[in-house]
Amino acid sequence: MLKGQQLLKVVKAMAGANRSDLVRHCGYVSVRDDGQEQLHFAEFYGALLEASGVDLPGHPGRHGQPKSALGRDLSYSTHVHFNGNLMVGRAYTDMLDLKPGDQFRIQLGEGQIRLVPLGTKARGA
């Protein structure tokens, strides 16, 4: 099931699609014991509201999760931008007490990118 920015991107790309096709394409579907397909519209719409930053009263949502400076829940995901760059937002660097000029070594391996702090942060300061 798609969630967050990925869900919003697909919904926008499929703007003219039939609602059932959209719910199905985003993965909010299951097959019952009798083989009939069941679409989960309520779950889809809840994920869509959450991805849009709407937190309904009485809905558990992601209370207690860190928020960005704009009050949005942090998704802990990002995407490659049109120019090939990856963005890590200020909310994340603030959580780690990173400052302008802090340096990192980039380690690549098995589909991962790891940032390893250089200098005092690497020593656990």
PDB file of N, CA and C in Angstrom:
ATOM      1  N   MET A   1       0.839  -1.179   0.000  1.00  0.00           N
ATOM      2  CA  MET A   1       0.000   0.000   0.000  1.00  0.00           C
ATOM      3  C   MET A   1       0.883   1.241   0.000  1.00  0.00           C
ATOM      4  N   LEU A   2       0.569   2.147  -0.879  1.00  0.00           N
ATOM      5  CA  LEU A   2       1.336   3.386  -0.948  1.00  0.00           C
ATOM      6  C   LEU A   2       0.934   4.305   0.192  1.00  0.00           C
ATOM      7  N   LYS A   3       1.902   5.065   0.669  1.00  0.00           N
ATOM      8  CA  LYS A   3       1.657   6.024   1.742  1.00  0.00           C
ATOM      9  C   LYS A   3       2.494   7.274   1.491  1.00  0.00           C
ATOM     10  N   GLY A   4       2.197   8.337   2.207  1.00  0.00           N
ATOM     11  CA  GLY A   4       2.997   9.547   2.178  1.00  0.00           C
ATOM     12  C   GLY A   4       3.106  10.181   0.801  1.00  0.00           C
ATOM     13  N   GLN A   5       4.294  10.705   0.540  1.00  0.00           N
ATOM     14  CA  GLN A   5       4.529  11.426  -0.714  1.00  0.00           C
ATOM     15  C   GLN A   5       4.348  10.533  -1.931  1.00  0.00           C
ATOM     16  N   GLN A   6       4.663   9.251  -1.803  1.00  0.00           N
ATOM     17  CA  GLN A   6       4.491   8.327  -2.920  1.00  0.00           C
ATOM     18  C   GLN A   6       3.011   8.197  -3.280  1.00  0.00           C
ATOM     19  N   LEU A   7       2.144   8.126  -2.279  1.00  0.00           N
ATOM     20  CA  LEU A   7       0.710   8.057  -2.507  1.00  0.00           C
ATOM     21  C   LEU A   7       0.219   9.330  -3.192  1.00  0.00           C
ATOM     22  N   LEU A   8       0.633  10.487  -2.690  1.00  0.00           N
ATOM     23  CA  LEU A   8       0.208  11.759  -3.278  1.00  0.00           C
ATOM     24  C   LEU A   8       0.648  11.878  -4.733  1.00  0.00           C
ATOM     25  N   LYS A   9       1.844  11.420  -5.023  1.00  0.00           N
ATOM     26  CA  LYS A   9       2.373  11.484  -6.389  1.00  0.00           C
ATOM     27  C   LYS A   9       1.523  10.640  -7.341  1.00  0.00           C
ATOM     28  N   VAL A  10       1.174   9.428  -6.933  1.00  0.00           N
ATOM     29  CA  VAL A  10       0.374   8.547  -7.786  1.00  0.00           C
ATOM     30  C   VAL A  10      -1.037   9.103  -7.957  1.00  0.00           C
ATOM     31  N   VAL A  11      -1.637   9.620  -6.894  1.00  0.00           N
ATOM     32  CA  VAL A  11      -2.985  10.187  -6.982  1.00  0.00           C
ATOM     33  C   VAL A  11      -2.993  11.356  -7.956  1.00  0.00           C
ATOM     34  N   LYS A  12      -1.987  12.188  -7.888  1.00  0.00           N
ATOM     35  CA  LYS A  12      -1.895  13.334  -8.800  1.00  0.00           C
ATOM     36  C   LYS A  12      -1.708  12.860 -10.242  1.00  0.00           C
ATOM     37  N   ALA A  13      -0.864  11.856 -10.435  1.00  0.00           N
ATOM     38  CA  ALA A  13      -0.602  11.347 -11.785  1.00  0.00           C
ATOM     39  C   ALA A  13      -1.836  10.678 -12.384  1.00  0.00           C
ATOM     40  N   MET A  14      -2.700  10.124 -11.539  1.00  0.00           N
ATOM     41  CA  MET A  14      -3.894   9.418 -12.020  1.00  0.00           C
ATOM     42  C   MET A  14      -5.154  10.254 -11.816  1.00  0.00           C
ATOM     43  N   ALA A  15      -5.034  11.562 -11.947  1.00  0.00           N
ATOM     44  CA  ALA A  15      -6.122  12.487 -11.637  1.00  0.00           C
ATOM     45  C   ALA A  15      -7.443  12.142 -12.325  1.00  0.00           C
ATOM     46  N   GLY A  16      -7.420  11.654 -13.547  1.00  0.00           N
ATOM     47  CA  GLY A  16      -8.656  11.358 -14.258  1.00  0.00           C
ATOM     48  C   GLY A  16      -9.154   9.940 -14.091  1.00  0.00           C
ATOM     49  N   ALA A  17      -8.487   9.161 -13.282  1.00  0.00           N
ATOM     50  CA  ALA A  17      -8.819   7.739 -13.148  1.00  0.00           C
ATOM     51  C   ALA A  17     -10.089   7.520 -12.332  1.00  0.00           C
ATOM     52  N   ASN A  18     -10.715   6.419 -12.573  1.00  0.00           N
ATOM     53  CA  ASN A  18     -11.853   5.953 -11.807  1.00  0.00           C
ATOM     54  C   ASN A  18     -11.382   5.693 -10.366  1.00  0.00           C
ATOM     55  N   ARG A  19     -12.210   6.010  -9.374  1.00  0.00           N
ATOM     56  CA  ARG A  19     -11.816   5.858  -7.962  1.00  0.00           C
ATOM     57  C   ARG A  19     -11.431   4.421  -7.611  1.00  0.00           C
ATOM     58  N   SER A  20     -12.170   3.477  -8.118  1.00  0.00           N
ATOM     59  CA  SER A  20     -11.859   2.074  -7.826  1.00  0.00           C
ATOM     60  C   SER A  20     -10.499   1.693  -8.384  1.00  0.00           C
ATOM     61  N   ASP A  21     -10.206   2.149  -9.610  1.00  0.00           N
ATOM     62  CA  ASP A  21      -8.906   1.862 -10.212  1.00  0.00           C
ATOM     63  C   ASP A  21      -7.784   2.511  -9.413  1.00  0.00           C
ATOM     64  N   LEU A  22      -8.028   3.716  -8.916  1.00  0.00           N
ATOM     65  CA  LEU A  22      -7.025   4.432  -8.131  1.00  0.00           C
ATOM     66  C   LEU A  22      -6.734   3.698  -6.824  1.00  0.00           C
ATOM     67  N   VAL A  23      -7.788   3.294  -6.127  1.00  0.00           N
ATOM     68  CA  VAL A  23      -7.634   2.567  -4.857  1.00  0.00           C
ATOM     69  C   VAL A  23      -6.904   1.248  -5.099  1.00  0.00           C
ATOM     70  N   ARG A  24      -7.280   0.559  -6.157  1.00  0.00           N
ATOM     71  CA  ARG A  24      -6.646  -0.716  -6.519  1.00  0.00           C
ATOM     72  C   ARG A  24      -5.169  -0.497  -6.851  1.00  0.00           C
ATOM     73  N   HIS A  25      -4.870   0.500  -7.695  1.00  0.00           N
ATOM     74  CA  HIS A  25      -3.493   0.766  -8.125  1.00  0.00           C
ATOM     75  C   HIS A  25      -2.587   1.136  -6.944  1.00  0.00           C
ATOM     76  N   CYS A  26      -3.134   1.805  -5.943  1.00  0.00           N
ATOM     77  CA  CYS A  26      -2.344   2.216  -4.779  1.00  0.00           C
ATOM     78  C   CYS A  26      -2.209   1.104  -3.746  1.00  0.00           C
ATOM     79  N   GLY A  27      -2.829  -0.043  -4.010  1.00  0.00           N
ATOM     80  CA  GLY A  27      -2.620  -1.213  -3.160  1.00  0.00           C
ATOM     81  C   GLY A  27      -3.626  -1.407  -2.050  1.00  0.00           C
ATOM     82  N   TYR A  28      -4.714  -0.658  -2.045  1.00  0.00           N
ATOM     83  CA  TYR A  28      -5.713  -0.776  -0.989  1.00  0.00           C
ATOM     84  C   TYR A  28      -6.799  -1.761  -1.429  1.00  0.00           C
ATOM     85  N   VAL A  29      -6.369  -2.997  -1.628  1.00  0.00           N
ATOM     86  CA  VAL A  29      -7.245  -4.056  -2.121  1.00  0.00           C
ATOM     87  C   VAL A  29      -6.822  -5.376  -1.494  1.00  0.00           C
ATOM     88  N   SER A  30      -7.786  -6.239  -1.276  1.00  0.00           N
ATOM     89  CA  SER A  30      -7.490  -7.584  -0.798  1.00  0.00           C
ATOM     90  C   SER A  30      -8.462  -8.545  -1.473  1.00  0.00           C
ATOM     91  N   VAL A  31      -8.195  -9.831  -1.341  1.00  0.00           N
ATOM     92  CA  VAL A  31      -9.066 -10.855  -1.915  1.00  0.00           C
ATOM     93  C   VAL A  31      -9.671 -11.637  -0.758  1.00  0.00           C
ATOM     94  N   ARG A  32     -10.996 -11.692  -0.756  1.00  0.00           N
ATOM     95  CA  ARG A  32     -11.709 -12.421   0.297  1.00  0.00           C
ATOM     96  C   ARG A  32     -11.580 -13.922   0.086  1.00  0.00           C
ATOM     97  N   ASP A  33     -12.006 -14.685   1.071  1.00  0.00           N
ATOM     98  CA  ASP A  33     -11.955 -16.152   1.001  1.00  0.00           C
ATOM     99  C   ASP A  33     -12.714 -16.702  -0.198  1.00  0.00           C
ATOM    100  N   ASP A  34     -13.781 -15.988  -0.604  1.00  0.00           N
ATOM    101  CA  ASP A  34     -14.576 -16.466  -1.733  1.00  0.00           C
ATOM    102  C   ASP A  34     -13.997 -16.031  -3.083  1.00  0.00           C
ATOM    103  N   GLY A  35     -12.810 -15.392  -3.053  1.00  0.00           N
ATOM    104  CA  GLY A  35     -12.144 -14.981  -4.280  1.00  0.00           C
ATOM    105  C   GLY A  35     -12.540 -13.606  -4.781  1.00  0.00           C
ATOM    106  N   GLN A  36     -13.489 -12.979  -4.121  1.00  0.00           N
ATOM    107  CA  GLN A  36     -13.937 -11.643  -4.523  1.00  0.00           C
ATOM    108  C   GLN A  36     -12.932 -10.583  -4.074  1.00  0.00           C
ATOM    109  N   GLU A  37     -12.724  -9.606  -4.928  1.00  0.00           N
ATOM    110  CA  GLU A  37     -11.832  -8.482  -4.617  1.00  0.00           C
ATOM    111  C   GLU A  37     -12.563  -7.515  -3.689  1.00  0.00           C
ATOM    112  N   GLN A  38     -11.860  -7.026  -2.686  1.00  0.00           N
ATOM    113  CA  GLN A  38     -12.434  -6.042  -1.772  1.00  0.00           C
ATOM    114  C   GLN A  38     -11.544  -4.810  -1.770  1.00  0.00           C
ATOM    115  N   LEU A  39     -12.122  -3.662  -2.133  1.00  0.00           N
ATOM    116  CA  LEU A  39     -11.386  -2.397  -2.140  1.00  0.00           C
ATOM    117  C   LEU A  39     -11.562  -1.717  -0.790  1.00  0.00           C
ATOM    118  N   HIS A  40     -10.484  -1.173  -0.253  1.00  0.00           N
ATOM    119  CA  HIS A  40     -10.493  -0.556   1.078  1.00  0.00           C
ATOM    120  C   HIS A  40     -10.451   0.967   0.936  1.00  0.00           C
ATOM    121  N   PHE A  41     -11.615   1.536   0.596  1.00  0.00           N
ATOM    122  CA  PHE A  41     -11.715   2.969   0.359  1.00  0.00           C
ATOM    123  C   PHE A  41     -11.409   3.784   1.615  1.00  0.00           C
ATOM    124  N   ALA A  42     -11.957   3.375   2.758  1.00  0.00           N
ATOM    125  CA  ALA A  42     -11.754   4.137   3.992  1.00  0.00           C
ATOM    126  C   ALA A  42     -10.272   4.196   4.359  1.00  0.00           C
ATOM    127  N   GLU A  43      -9.594   3.067   4.234  1.00  0.00           N
ATOM    128  CA  GLU A  43      -8.158   3.025   4.538  1.00  0.00           C
ATOM    129  C   GLU A  43      -7.370   3.902   3.558  1.00  0.00           C
ATOM    130  N   PHE A  44      -7.773   3.856   2.288  1.00  0.00           N
ATOM    131  CA  PHE A  44      -7.137   4.682   1.259  1.00  0.00           C
ATOM    132  C   PHE A  44      -7.309   6.170   1.572  1.00  0.00           C
ATOM    133  N   TYR A  45      -8.557   6.575   1.861  1.00  0.00           N
ATOM    134  CA  TYR A  45      -8.816   7.985   2.138  1.00  0.00           C
ATOM    135  C   TYR A  45      -8.118   8.440   3.419  1.00  0.00           C
ATOM    136  N   GLY A  46      -8.032   7.562   4.410  1.00  0.00           N
ATOM    137  CA  GLY A  46      -7.298   7.902   5.633  1.00  0.00           C
ATOM    138  C   GLY A  46      -5.830   8.134   5.349  1.00  0.00           C
ATOM    139  N   ALA A  47      -5.229   7.258   4.535  1.00  0.00           N
ATOM    140  CA  ALA A  47      -3.817   7.421   4.174  1.00  0.00           C
ATOM    141  C   ALA A  47      -3.618   8.685   3.341  1.00  0.00           C
ATOM    142  N   LEU A  48      -4.585   8.995   2.490  1.00  0.00           N
ATOM    143  CA  LEU A  48      -4.505  10.207   1.666  1.00  0.00           C
ATOM    144  C   LEU A  48      -4.573  11.456   2.537  1.00  0.00           C
ATOM    145  N   LEU A  49      -5.460  11.457   3.514  1.00  0.00           N
ATOM    146  CA  LEU A  49      -5.543  12.603   4.441  1.00  0.00           C
ATOM    147  C   LEU A  49      -4.251  12.744   5.249  1.00  0.00           C
ATOM    148  N   GLU A  50      -3.743  11.624   5.744  1.00  0.00           N
ATOM    149  CA  GLU A  50      -2.506  11.659   6.530  1.00  0.00           C
ATOM    150  C   GLU A  50      -1.340  12.176   5.688  1.00  0.00           C
ATOM    151  N   ALA A  51      -1.252  11.716   4.437  1.00  0.00           N
ATOM    152  CA  ALA A  51      -0.182  12.152   3.541  1.00  0.00           C
ATOM    153  C   ALA A  51      -0.295  13.638   3.232  1.00  0.00           C
ATOM    154  N   SER A  52      -1.524  14.156   3.283  1.00  0.00           N
ATOM    155  CA  SER A  52      -1.758  15.576   3.008  1.00  0.00           C
ATOM    156  C   SER A  52      -1.568  16.436   4.247  1.00  0.00           C
ATOM    157  N   GLY A  53      -1.293  15.799   5.387  1.00  0.00           N
ATOM    158  CA  GLY A  53      -1.054  16.557   6.618  1.00  0.00           C
ATOM    159  C   GLY A  53      -2.306  16.838   7.426  1.00  0.00           C
ATOM    160  N   VAL A  54      -3.423  16.187   7.102  1.00  0.00           N
ATOM    161  CA  VAL A  54      -4.678  16.395   7.819  1.00  0.00           C
ATOM    162  C   VAL A  54      -4.776  15.351   8.921  1.00  0.00           C
ATOM    163  N   ASP A  55      -4.959  15.802  10.152  1.00  0.00           N
ATOM    164  CA  ASP A  55      -5.083  14.909  11.300  1.00  0.00           C
ATOM    165  C   ASP A  55      -6.477  15.098  11.874  1.00  0.00           C
ATOM    166  N   LEU A  56      -7.352  14.123  11.672  1.00  0.00           N
ATOM    167  CA  LEU A  56      -8.735  14.236  12.118  1.00  0.00           C
ATOM    168  C   LEU A  56      -8.852  13.975  13.613  1.00  0.00           C
ATOM    169  N   PRO A  57      -9.728  14.717  14.305  1.00  0.00           N
ATOM    170  CA  PRO A  57      -9.953  14.461  15.727  1.00  0.00           C
ATOM    171  C   PRO A  57     -10.465  13.042  15.929  1.00  0.00           C
ATOM    172  N   GLY A  58      -9.953  12.383  16.957  1.00  0.00           N
ATOM    173  CA  GLY A  58     -10.371  11.022  17.252  1.00  0.00           C
ATOM    174  C   GLY A  58      -9.680   9.971  16.407  1.00  0.00           C
ATOM    175  N   HIS A  59      -8.866  10.390  15.459  1.00  0.00           N
ATOM    176  CA  HIS A  59      -8.122   9.450  14.615  1.00  0.00           C
ATOM    177  C   HIS A  59      -6.721   9.329  15.192  1.00  0.00           C
ATOM    178  N   PRO A  60      -6.229   8.124  15.421  1.00  0.00           N
ATOM    179  CA  PRO A  60      -4.932   7.982  16.072  1.00  0.00           C
ATOM    180  C   PRO A  60      -3.798   8.658  15.331  1.00  0.00           C
ATOM    181  N   GLY A  61      -3.801   8.643  14.007  1.00  0.00           N
ATOM    182  CA  GLY A  61      -2.752   9.316  13.243  1.00  0.00           C
ATOM    183  C   GLY A  61      -1.372   8.917  13.704  1.00  0.00           C
ATOM    184  N   ARG A  62      -0.447   9.881  13.656  1.00  0.00           N
ATOM    185  CA  ARG A  62       0.930   9.613  14.070  1.00  0.00           C
ATOM    186  C   ARG A  62       1.304  10.550  15.212  1.00  0.00           C
ATOM    187  N   HIS A  63       0.405  10.687  16.189  1.00  0.00           N
ATOM    188  CA  HIS A  63       0.690  11.565  17.327  1.00  0.00           C
ATOM    189  C   HIS A  63       1.981  11.132  18.000  1.00  0.00           C
ATOM    190  N   GLY A  64       2.734  12.086  18.467  1.00  0.00           N
ATOM    191  CA  GLY A  64       3.988  11.783  19.134  1.00  0.00           C
ATOM    192  C   GLY A  64       5.164  11.702  18.176  1.00  0.00           C
ATOM    193  N   GLN A  65       4.902  11.675  16.879  1.00  0.00           N
ATOM    194  CA  GLN A  65       5.990  11.659  15.908  1.00  0.00           C
ATOM    195  C   GLN A  65       6.569  13.062  15.802  1.00  0.00           C
ATOM    196  N   PRO A  66       7.866  13.179  15.546  1.00  0.00           N
ATOM    197  CA  PRO A  66       8.461  14.493  15.362  1.00  0.00           C
ATOM    198  C   PRO A  66       7.822  15.214  14.190  1.00  0.00           C
ATOM    199  N   LYS A  67       7.802  16.536  14.267  1.00  0.00           N
ATOM    200  CA  LYS A  67       7.222  17.346  13.212  1.00  0.00           C
ATOM    201  C   LYS A  67       8.272  18.310  12.671  1.00  0.00           C
ATOM    202  N   SER A  68       8.054  18.730  11.426  1.00  0.00           N
ATOM    203  CA  SER A  68       8.941  19.716  10.816  1.00  0.00           C
ATOM    204  C   SER A  68       8.590  21.088  11.372  1.00  0.00           C
ATOM    205  N   ALA A  69       9.355  22.098  10.976  1.00  0.00           N
ATOM    206  CA  ALA A  69       9.098  23.459  11.426  1.00  0.00           C
ATOM    207  C   ALA A  69       7.724  23.935  10.969  1.00  0.00           C
ATOM    208  N   LEU A  70       7.188  23.349   9.913  1.00  0.00           N
ATOM    209  CA  LEU A  70       5.873  23.727   9.404  1.00  0.00           C
ATOM    210  C   LEU A  70       4.751  22.938  10.080  1.00  0.00           C
ATOM    211  N   GLY A  71       5.100  22.066  11.036  1.00  0.00           N
ATOM    212  CA  GLY A  71       4.102  21.292  11.752  1.00  0.00           C
ATOM    213  C   GLY A  71       3.697  20.010  11.066  1.00  0.00           C
ATOM    214  N   ARG A  72       4.386  19.660   9.997  1.00  0.00           N
ATOM    215  CA  ARG A  72       4.069  18.416   9.287  1.00  0.00           C
ATOM    216  C   ARG A  72       4.768  17.248   9.970  1.00  0.00           C
ATOM    217  N   ASP A  73       4.092  16.091   9.988  1.00  0.00           N
ATOM    218  CA  ASP A  73       4.727  14.880  10.504  1.00  0.00           C
ATOM    219  C   ASP A  73       5.890  14.508   9.593  1.00  0.00           C
ATOM    220  N   LEU A  74       6.997  14.111  10.189  1.00  0.00           N
ATOM    221  CA  LEU A  74       8.144  13.693   9.396  1.00  0.00           C
ATOM    222  C   LEU A  74       7.892  12.298   8.851  1.00  0.00           C
ATOM    223  N   SER A  75       8.176  12.103   7.580  1.00  0.00           N
ATOM    224  CA  SER A  75       7.890  10.821   6.945  1.00  0.00           C
ATOM    225  C   SER A  75       9.097   9.891   6.934  1.00  0.00           C
ATOM    226  N   TYR A  76      10.279  10.409   7.226  1.00  0.00           N
ATOM    227  CA  TYR A  76      11.512   9.637   7.196  1.00  0.00           C
ATOM    228  C   TYR A  76      11.730   8.993   5.828  1.00  0.00           C
ATOM    229  N   SER A  77      11.280   9.678   4.795  1.00  0.00           N
ATOM    230  CA  SER A  77      11.549   9.232   3.435  1.00  0.00           C
ATOM    231  C   SER A  77      11.806  10.460   2.573  1.00  0.00           C
ATOM    232  N   THR A  78      12.458  10.263   1.459  1.00  0.00           N
ATOM    233  CA  THR A  78      12.737  11.337   0.535  1.00  0.00           C
ATOM    234  C   THR A  78      12.749  10.744  -0.858  1.00  0.00           C
ATOM    235  N   HIS A  79      13.047  11.547  -1.845  1.00  0.00           N
ATOM    236  CA  HIS A  79      13.103  11.048  -3.216  1.00  0.00           C
ATOM    237  C   HIS A  79      14.235  11.753  -3.953  1.00  0.00           C
ATOM    238  N   VAL A  80      14.627  11.172  -5.062  1.00  0.00           N
ATOM    239  CA  VAL A  80      15.659  11.783  -5.891  1.00  0.00           C
ATOM    240  C   VAL A  80      14.989  12.903  -6.686  1.00  0.00           C
ATOM    241  N   HIS A  81      15.541  14.094  -6.594  1.00  0.00           N
ATOM    242  CA  HIS A  81      14.995  15.251  -7.301  1.00  0.00           C
ATOM    243  C   HIS A  81      15.366  15.201  -8.777  1.00  0.00           C
ATOM    244  N   PHE A  82      14.754  16.076  -9.570  1.00  0.00           N
ATOM    245  CA  PHE A  82      14.962  16.101 -11.018  1.00  0.00           C
ATOM    246  C   PHE A  82      16.434  16.237 -11.398  1.00  0.00           C
ATOM    247  N   ASN A  83      17.227  16.868 -10.525  1.00  0.00           N
ATOM    248  CA  ASN A  83      18.641  17.087 -10.822  1.00  0.00           C
ATOM    249  C   ASN A  83      19.551  15.998 -10.247  1.00  0.00           C
ATOM    250  N   GLY A  84      18.954  14.939  -9.685  1.00  0.00           N
ATOM    251  CA  GLY A  84      19.725  13.827  -9.152  1.00  0.00           C
ATOM    252  C   GLY A  84      20.096  13.964  -7.685  1.00  0.00           C
ATOM    253  N   ASN A  85      19.749  15.072  -7.058  1.00  0.00           N
ATOM    254  CA  ASN A  85      20.087  15.282  -5.647  1.00  0.00           C
ATOM    255  C   ASN A  85      19.059  14.633  -4.726  1.00  0.00           C
ATOM    256  N   LEU A  86      19.521  14.265  -3.532  1.00  0.00           N
ATOM    257  CA  LEU A  86      18.647  13.806  -2.451  1.00  0.00           C
ATOM    258  C   LEU A  86      18.587  14.915  -1.418  1.00  0.00           C
ATOM    259  N   MET A  87      17.415  15.145  -0.857  1.00  0.00           N
ATOM    260  CA  MET A  87      17.239  16.207   0.127  1.00  0.00           C
ATOM    261  C   MET A  87      16.999  15.611   1.500  1.00  0.00           C
ATOM    262  N   VAL A  88      17.727  16.104   2.485  1.00  0.00           N
ATOM    263  CA  VAL A  88      17.472  15.775   3.882  1.00  0.00           C
ATOM    264  C   VAL A  88      17.090  17.093   4.530  1.00  0.00           C
ATOM    265  N   GLY A  89      15.881  17.201   5.003  1.00  0.00           N
ATOM    266  CA  GLY A  89      15.359  18.469   5.502  1.00  0.00           C
ATOM    267  C   GLY A  89      15.941  18.917   6.829  1.00  0.00           C
ATOM    268  N   ARG A  90      15.700  20.186   7.127  1.00  0.00           N
ATOM    269  CA  ARG A  90      16.222  20.807   8.341  1.00  0.00           C
ATOM    270  C   ARG A  90      15.706  20.121   9.610  1.00  0.00           C
ATOM    271  N   ALA A  91      14.480  19.667   9.584  1.00  0.00           N
ATOM    272  CA  ALA A  91      13.936  19.014  10.784  1.00  0.00           C
ATOM    273  C   ALA A  91      14.801  17.833  11.196  1.00  0.00           C
ATOM    274  N   TYR A  92      15.318  17.095  10.224  1.00  0.00           N
ATOM    275  CA  TYR A  92      16.156  15.937  10.521  1.00  0.00           C
ATOM    276  C   TYR A  92      17.527  16.371  11.029  1.00  0.00           C
ATOM    277  N   THR A  93      18.118  17.379  10.393  1.00  0.00           N
ATOM    278  CA  THR A  93      19.433  17.838  10.846  1.00  0.00           C
ATOM    279  C   THR A  93      19.329  18.485  12.225  1.00  0.00           C
ATOM    280  N   ASP A  94      18.216  19.149  12.507  1.00  0.00           N
ATOM    281  CA  ASP A  94      18.008  19.721  13.846  1.00  0.00           C
ATOM    282  C   ASP A  94      17.918  18.613  14.900  1.00  0.00           C
ATOM    283  N   MET A  95      17.233  17.512  14.569  1.00  0.00           N
ATOM    284  CA  MET A  95      17.089  16.408  15.523  1.00  0.00           C
ATOM    285  C   MET A  95      18.446  15.823  15.892  1.00  0.00           C
ATOM    286  N   LEU A  96      19.395  15.873  14.961  1.00  0.00           N
ATOM    287  CA  LEU A  96      20.737  15.334  15.196  1.00  0.00           C
ATOM    288  C   LEU A  96      21.728  16.406  15.619  1.00  0.00           C
ATOM    289  N   ASP A  97      21.227  17.630  15.821  1.00  0.00           N
ATOM    290  CA  ASP A  97      22.058  18.765  16.225  1.00  0.00           C
ATOM    291  C   ASP A  97      23.210  18.994  15.245  1.00  0.00           C
ATOM    292  N   LEU A  98      22.916  18.863  13.945  1.00  0.00           N
ATOM    293  CA  LEU A  98      23.925  19.111  12.922  1.00  0.00           C
ATOM    294  C   LEU A  98      23.969  20.596  12.621  1.00  0.00           C
ATOM    295  N   LYS A  99      25.145  21.086  12.352  1.00  0.00           N
ATOM    296  CA  LYS A  99      25.365  22.510  12.094  1.00  0.00           C
ATOM    297  C   LYS A  99      25.955  22.704  10.708  1.00  0.00           C
ATOM    298  N   PRO A 100      25.761  23.895  10.121  1.00  0.00           N
ATOM    299  CA  PRO A 100      26.399  24.185   8.831  1.00  0.00           C
ATOM    300  C   PRO A 100      27.906  23.953   8.927  1.00  0.00           C
ATOM    301  N   GLY A 101      28.442  23.264   7.942  1.00  0.00           N
ATOM    302  CA  GLY A 101      29.871  22.967   7.927  1.00  0.00           C
ATOM    303  C   GLY A 101      30.221  21.588   8.447  1.00  0.00           C
ATOM    304  N   ASP A 102      29.286  20.918   9.164  1.00  0.00           N
ATOM    305  CA  ASP A 102      29.558  19.541   9.598  1.00  0.00           C
ATOM    306  C   ASP A 102      29.827  18.694   8.359  1.00  0.00           C
ATOM    307  N   GLN A 103      30.807  17.800   8.472  1.00  0.00           N
ATOM    308  CA  GLN A 103      31.215  17.005   7.320  1.00  0.00           C
ATOM    309  C   GLN A 103      30.951  15.524   7.551  1.00  0.00           C
ATOM    310  N   PHE A 104      30.714  14.819   6.436  1.00  0.00           N
ATOM    311  CA  PHE A 104      30.384  13.403   6.479  1.00  0.00           C
ATOM    312  C   PHE A 104      31.125  12.662   5.383  1.00  0.00           C
ATOM    313  N   ARG A 105      31.421  11.402   5.635  1.00  0.00           N
ATOM    314  CA  ARG A 105      31.930  10.500   4.611  1.00  0.00           C
ATOM    315  C   ARG A 105      30.725   9.735   4.083  1.00  0.00           C
ATOM    316  N   ILE A 106      30.644   9.566   2.778  1.00  0.00           N
ATOM    317  CA  ILE A 106      29.545   8.840   2.155  1.00  0.00           C
ATOM    318  C   ILE A 106      29.984   7.396   1.933  1.00  0.00           C
ATOM    319  N   GLN A 107      29.230   6.456   2.492  1.00  0.00           N
ATOM    320  CA  GLN A 107      29.501   5.033   2.296  1.00  0.00           C
ATOM    321  C   GLN A 107      28.346   4.433   1.503  1.00  0.00           C
ATOM    322  N   LEU A 108      28.680   3.703   0.448  1.00  0.00           N
ATOM    323  CA  LEU A 108      27.675   3.047  -0.382  1.00  0.00           C
ATOM    324  C   LEU A 108      27.793   1.547  -0.205  1.00  0.00           C
ATOM    325  N   GLY A 109      26.660   0.862  -0.155  1.00  0.00           N
ATOM    326  CA  GLY A 109      26.703  -0.588  -0.062  1.00  0.00           C
ATOM    327  C   GLY A 109      25.330  -1.205  -0.059  1.00  0.00           C
ATOM    328  N   GLU A 110      25.144  -2.254  -0.826  1.00  0.00           N
ATOM    329  CA  GLU A 110      23.916  -3.035  -0.874  1.00  0.00           C
ATOM    330  C   GLU A 110      22.654  -2.172  -0.910  1.00  0.00           C
ATOM    331  N   GLY A 111      22.615  -1.231  -1.849  1.00  0.00           N
ATOM    332  CA  GLY A 111      21.437  -0.394  -2.016  1.00  0.00           C
ATOM    333  C   GLY A 111      21.246   0.651  -0.935  1.00  0.00           C
ATOM    334  N   GLN A 112      22.280   0.958  -0.188  1.00  0.00           N
ATOM    335  CA  GLN A 112      22.188   1.926   0.904  1.00  0.00           C
ATOM    336  C   GLN A 112      23.173   3.065   0.696  1.00  0.00           C
ATOM    337  N   ILE A 113      22.817   4.210   1.241  1.00  0.00           N
ATOM    338  CA  ILE A 113      23.735   5.341   1.351  1.00  0.00           C
ATOM    339  C   ILE A 113      23.813   5.659   2.837  1.00  0.00           C
ATOM    340  N   ARG A 114      25.001   5.637   3.379  1.00  0.00           N
ATOM    341  CA  ARG A 114      25.207   5.931   4.794  1.00  0.00           C
ATOM    342  C   ARG A 114      26.093   7.155   4.916  1.00  0.00           C
ATOM    343  N   LEU A 115      25.699   8.099   5.766  1.00  0.00           N
ATOM    344  CA  LEU A 115      26.507   9.278   6.042  1.00  0.00           C
ATOM    345  C   LEU A 115      27.201   9.065   7.379  1.00  0.00           C
ATOM    346  N   VAL A 116      28.517   9.079   7.362  1.00  0.00           N
ATOM    347  CA  VAL A 116      29.310   8.849   8.568  1.00  0.00           C
ATOM    348  C   VAL A 116      29.967  10.170   8.941  1.00  0.00           C
ATOM    349  N   PRO A 117      29.651  10.702  10.130  1.00  0.00           N
ATOM    350  CA  PRO A 117      30.204  11.992  10.525  1.00  0.00           C
ATOM    351  C   PRO A 117      31.738  11.947  10.613  1.00  0.00           C
ATOM    352  N   LEU A 118      32.365  13.032  10.188  1.00  0.00           N
ATOM    353  CA  LEU A 118      33.806  13.219  10.337  1.00  0.00           C
ATOM    354  C   LEU A 118      34.042  14.172  11.493  1.00  0.00           C
ATOM    355  N   GLY A 119      35.198  14.122  12.101  1.00  0.00           N
ATOM    356  CA  GLY A 119      35.534  15.058  13.174  1.00  0.00           C
ATOM    357  C   GLY A 119      34.930  14.636  14.496  1.00  0.00           C
ATOM    358  N   THR A 120      34.523  15.627  15.315  1.00  0.00           N
ATOM    359  CA  THR A 120      34.078  15.359  16.692  1.00  0.00           C
ATOM    360  C   THR A 120      32.812  14.531  16.737  1.00  0.00           C
ATOM    361  N   LYS A 121      31.904  14.669  15.782  1.00  0.00           N
ATOM    362  CA  LYS A 121      30.655  13.892  15.800  1.00  0.00           C
ATOM    363  C   LYS A 121      30.937  12.398  15.635  1.00  0.00           C
ATOM    364  N   ALA A 122      32.011  12.075  14.896  1.00  0.00           N
ATOM    365  CA  ALA A 122      32.372  10.662  14.692  1.00  0.00           C
ATOM    366  C   ALA A 122      32.872  10.036  15.984  1.00  0.00           C
ATOM    367  N   ARG A 123      33.385  10.840  16.895  1.00  0.00           N
ATOM    368  CA  ARG A 123      33.901  10.320  18.158  1.00  0.00           C
ATOM    369  C   ARG A 123      32.825  10.246  19.232  1.00  0.00           C
ATOM    370  N   GLY A 124      31.556  10.558  18.813  1.00  0.00           N
ATOM    371  CA  GLY A 124      30.457  10.436  19.780  1.00  0.00           C
ATOM    372  C   GLY A 124      30.214  11.676  20.583  1.00  0.00           C
ATOM    373  N   ALA A 125      30.782  12.824  20.163  1.00  0.00           N
ATOM    374  CA  ALA A 125      30.554  14.064  20.918  1.00  0.00           C
ATOM    375  C   ALA A 125      29.183  14.617  20.661  1.00  0.00           C
TER     376      ALA A 125
END
